[in-house]
């Protein structure tokens, strides 16, 4: 195991249990993104219209939840 991996594990062990789901989501989706996006890709146009099949109500709910999670993630 690398030193950095060990440091990450030590940091995660210091996180309260009730916050672990947020950290898991962050790490999980980051890892999935690494599997699906080339490392040097800067073309974001492929995301254009990604939410076009959502109703306005669904998108508003998604956006509210996204903002709530983002705020929680950055609370000290």
N, C-alpha and C. Protein backbone atom coordinates (compact mmCIF):
# COMPACT_ATOMS: atom_id res chain seq x y z
N UNK A 1 0.85 -1.17 0.00
CA UNK A 1 0.00 0.00 0.00
C UNK A 1 0.90 1.24 0.00
N UNK A 2 0.52 2.22 -0.81
CA UNK A 2 1.33 3.44 -0.88
C UNK A 2 1.10 4.31 0.34
N UNK A 3 2.03 5.20 0.59
CA UNK A 3 1.92 6.12 1.72
C UNK A 3 0.69 6.99 1.58
N UNK A 4 0.43 7.48 0.39
CA UNK A 4 -0.74 8.34 0.17
C UNK A 4 -2.04 7.58 0.45
N UNK A 5 -2.12 6.34 0.02
CA UNK A 5 -3.31 5.51 0.27
C UNK A 5 -3.50 5.32 1.78
N UNK A 6 -2.41 5.09 2.49
CA UNK A 6 -2.48 4.94 3.94
C UNK A 6 -2.94 6.24 4.61
N UNK A 7 -2.45 7.37 4.11
CA UNK A 7 -2.87 8.66 4.65
C UNK A 7 -4.36 8.89 4.41
N UNK A 8 -4.84 8.52 3.23
CA UNK A 8 -6.27 8.66 2.94
C UNK A 8 -7.11 7.81 3.90
N UNK A 9 -6.68 6.60 4.13
CA UNK A 9 -7.40 5.71 5.04
C UNK A 9 -7.42 6.30 6.45
N UNK A 10 -6.30 6.84 6.89
CA UNK A 10 -6.23 7.46 8.22
C UNK A 10 -7.19 8.65 8.32
N UNK A 11 -7.25 9.45 7.27
CA UNK A 11 -8.16 10.60 7.26
C UNK A 11 -9.61 10.13 7.30
N UNK A 12 -9.93 9.14 6.51
CA UNK A 12 -11.31 8.61 6.47
C UNK A 12 -11.71 8.06 7.83
N UNK A 13 -10.78 7.44 8.52
CA UNK A 13 -11.09 6.88 9.84
C UNK A 13 -11.43 7.97 10.85
N UNK A 14 -11.05 9.20 10.59
CA UNK A 14 -11.33 10.31 11.49
C UNK A 14 -12.69 10.96 11.22
N UNK A 15 -13.34 10.57 10.15
CA UNK A 15 -14.63 11.16 9.77
C UNK A 15 -15.75 10.51 10.58
N UNK A 16 -16.66 11.30 11.15
CA UNK A 16 -17.78 10.73 11.90
C UNK A 16 -18.63 9.81 11.01
N UNK A 17 -19.16 8.75 11.60
CA UNK A 17 -19.94 7.77 10.84
C UNK A 17 -21.09 8.38 10.06
N UNK A 18 -21.75 9.38 10.62
CA UNK A 18 -22.90 9.97 9.93
C UNK A 18 -22.51 10.74 8.67
N UNK A 19 -21.24 11.07 8.51
CA UNK A 19 -20.77 11.78 7.31
C UNK A 19 -20.18 10.85 6.26
N UNK A 20 -19.97 9.59 6.62
CA UNK A 20 -19.34 8.63 5.70
C UNK A 20 -20.12 8.42 4.40
N UNK A 21 -21.47 8.43 4.41
CA UNK A 21 -22.16 8.27 3.12
C UNK A 21 -21.78 9.35 2.10
N UNK A 22 -21.57 10.57 2.57
CA UNK A 22 -21.19 11.66 1.66
C UNK A 22 -19.80 11.40 1.07
N UNK A 23 -18.89 10.97 1.91
CA UNK A 23 -17.53 10.68 1.45
C UNK A 23 -17.53 9.51 0.49
N UNK A 24 -18.33 8.50 0.81
CA UNK A 24 -18.43 7.35 -0.10
C UNK A 24 -18.93 7.80 -1.46
N UNK A 25 -20.01 8.61 -1.49
CA UNK A 25 -20.54 9.09 -2.77
C UNK A 25 -19.48 9.84 -3.56
N UNK A 26 -18.75 10.70 -2.88
CA UNK A 26 -17.71 11.49 -3.54
C UNK A 26 -16.65 10.58 -4.16
N UNK A 27 -16.13 9.67 -3.37
CA UNK A 27 -15.07 8.78 -3.86
C UNK A 27 -15.60 7.85 -4.94
N UNK A 28 -16.78 7.30 -4.73
CA UNK A 28 -17.35 6.35 -5.69
C UNK A 28 -17.57 7.00 -7.05
N UNK A 29 -18.21 8.17 -7.07
CA UNK A 29 -18.48 8.82 -8.34
C UNK A 29 -17.20 9.35 -8.98
N UNK A 30 -16.23 9.74 -8.18
CA UNK A 30 -14.94 10.15 -8.73
C UNK A 30 -14.28 8.97 -9.43
N UNK A 31 -14.28 7.81 -8.76
CA UNK A 31 -13.67 6.61 -9.34
C UNK A 31 -14.39 6.19 -10.62
N UNK A 32 -15.72 6.23 -10.60
CA UNK A 32 -16.48 5.89 -11.80
C UNK A 32 -16.13 6.84 -12.94
N UNK A 33 -15.96 8.10 -12.61
CA UNK A 33 -15.60 9.08 -13.62
C UNK A 33 -14.24 8.77 -14.24
N UNK A 34 -13.32 8.27 -13.44
CA UNK A 34 -12.00 7.92 -13.96
C UNK A 34 -12.10 6.78 -14.96
N UNK A 35 -13.05 5.87 -14.73
CA UNK A 35 -13.24 4.73 -15.63
C UNK A 35 -13.88 5.14 -16.95
N UNK A 36 -14.65 6.23 -16.95
CA UNK A 36 -15.46 6.57 -18.11
C UNK A 36 -14.96 7.76 -18.92
N UNK A 37 -14.04 8.55 -18.37
CA UNK A 37 -13.59 9.75 -19.05
C UNK A 37 -12.07 9.70 -19.23
N UNK A 38 -11.61 9.91 -20.45
CA UNK A 38 -10.15 9.95 -20.64
C UNK A 38 -9.54 11.05 -19.78
N UNK A 39 -8.40 10.79 -19.21
CA UNK A 39 -7.75 11.70 -18.27
C UNK A 39 -7.52 13.09 -18.84
N UNK A 40 -7.22 13.21 -20.13
CA UNK A 40 -6.89 14.51 -20.71
C UNK A 40 -8.08 15.15 -21.43
N UNK A 41 -9.26 14.59 -21.29
CA UNK A 41 -10.43 15.12 -21.98
C UNK A 41 -10.84 16.46 -21.38
N UNK A 42 -11.02 17.46 -22.24
CA UNK A 42 -11.52 18.76 -21.79
C UNK A 42 -12.78 19.14 -22.55
N UNK A 43 -13.30 18.22 -23.36
CA UNK A 43 -14.49 18.50 -24.16
C UNK A 43 -15.74 18.27 -23.32
N UNK A 44 -16.32 19.37 -22.82
CA UNK A 44 -17.52 19.23 -21.99
C UNK A 44 -18.80 19.30 -22.83
N UNK A 45 -18.67 19.52 -24.12
CA UNK A 45 -19.86 19.63 -24.95
C UNK A 45 -20.67 18.34 -25.00
N UNK A 46 -20.03 17.20 -24.68
CA UNK A 46 -20.76 15.93 -24.70
C UNK A 46 -21.83 15.88 -23.61
N UNK A 47 -21.79 16.80 -22.64
CA UNK A 47 -22.80 16.84 -21.59
C UNK A 47 -23.98 17.74 -21.95
N UNK A 48 -23.89 18.42 -23.08
CA UNK A 48 -24.97 19.32 -23.48
C UNK A 48 -26.28 18.55 -23.60
N UNK A 49 -27.30 19.06 -22.96
CA UNK A 49 -28.61 18.43 -23.01
C UNK A 49 -28.76 17.19 -22.16
N UNK A 50 -27.82 16.96 -21.25
CA UNK A 50 -27.85 15.74 -20.44
C UNK A 50 -29.13 15.62 -19.61
N UNK A 51 -29.73 16.74 -19.25
CA UNK A 51 -30.93 16.70 -18.43
C UNK A 51 -32.17 17.07 -19.23
N UNK A 52 -32.09 17.07 -20.53
CA UNK A 52 -33.21 17.52 -21.35
C UNK A 52 -34.43 16.62 -21.25
N UNK A 53 -34.25 15.38 -20.82
CA UNK A 53 -35.40 14.48 -20.70
C UNK A 53 -36.08 14.57 -19.34
N UNK A 54 -35.59 15.45 -18.47
CA UNK A 54 -36.21 15.64 -17.15
C UNK A 54 -37.25 16.74 -17.23
N UNK A 55 -38.34 16.56 -16.48
CA UNK A 55 -39.32 17.64 -16.41
C UNK A 55 -38.73 18.78 -15.59
N UNK A 56 -39.34 19.94 -15.68
CA UNK A 56 -38.86 21.09 -14.90
C UNK A 56 -38.93 20.79 -13.40
N UNK A 57 -39.98 20.09 -12.98
CA UNK A 57 -40.14 19.74 -11.57
C UNK A 57 -39.03 18.79 -11.12
N UNK A 58 -38.74 17.77 -11.93
CA UNK A 58 -37.68 16.83 -11.60
C UNK A 58 -36.33 17.53 -11.55
N UNK A 59 -36.08 18.40 -12.52
CA UNK A 59 -34.80 19.11 -12.55
C UNK A 59 -34.66 20.02 -11.35
N UNK A 60 -35.73 20.72 -10.97
CA UNK A 60 -35.68 21.60 -9.79
C UNK A 60 -35.38 20.80 -8.54
N UNK A 61 -35.99 19.62 -8.40
CA UNK A 61 -35.73 18.77 -7.24
C UNK A 61 -34.28 18.29 -7.25
N UNK A 62 -33.79 17.92 -8.43
CA UNK A 62 -32.40 17.48 -8.57
C UNK A 62 -31.45 18.62 -8.17
N UNK A 63 -31.72 19.80 -8.68
CA UNK A 63 -30.84 20.93 -8.40
C UNK A 63 -30.84 21.29 -6.91
N UNK A 64 -32.00 21.25 -6.27
CA UNK A 64 -32.09 21.52 -4.84
C UNK A 64 -31.28 20.50 -4.05
N UNK A 65 -31.42 19.23 -4.39
CA UNK A 65 -30.68 18.17 -3.69
C UNK A 65 -29.18 18.31 -3.93
N UNK A 66 -28.80 18.62 -5.15
CA UNK A 66 -27.39 18.80 -5.48
C UNK A 66 -26.78 19.95 -4.67
N UNK A 67 -27.49 21.06 -4.56
CA UNK A 67 -26.99 22.20 -3.79
C UNK A 67 -26.90 21.85 -2.31
N UNK A 68 -27.89 21.11 -1.78
CA UNK A 68 -27.88 20.72 -0.37
C UNK A 68 -26.67 19.84 -0.08
N UNK A 69 -26.42 18.86 -0.94
CA UNK A 69 -25.28 17.97 -0.73
C UNK A 69 -23.96 18.72 -0.85
N UNK A 70 -23.90 19.64 -1.77
CA UNK A 70 -22.66 20.41 -1.93
C UNK A 70 -22.39 21.26 -0.70
N UNK A 71 -23.43 21.88 -0.17
CA UNK A 71 -23.26 22.69 1.03
C UNK A 71 -22.82 21.81 2.21
N UNK A 72 -23.41 20.65 2.35
CA UNK A 72 -23.03 19.74 3.42
C UNK A 72 -21.60 19.28 3.29
N UNK A 73 -21.16 19.05 2.07
CA UNK A 73 -19.82 18.56 1.83
C UNK A 73 -18.75 19.58 2.24
N UNK A 74 -19.11 20.85 2.20
CA UNK A 74 -18.11 21.87 2.48
C UNK A 74 -18.33 22.58 3.81
N UNK A 75 -19.20 22.04 4.66
CA UNK A 75 -19.38 22.59 6.00
C UNK A 75 -18.19 22.19 6.84
N UNK A 76 -17.67 23.10 7.58
CA UNK A 76 -16.47 22.78 8.39
C UNK A 76 -16.84 22.06 9.63
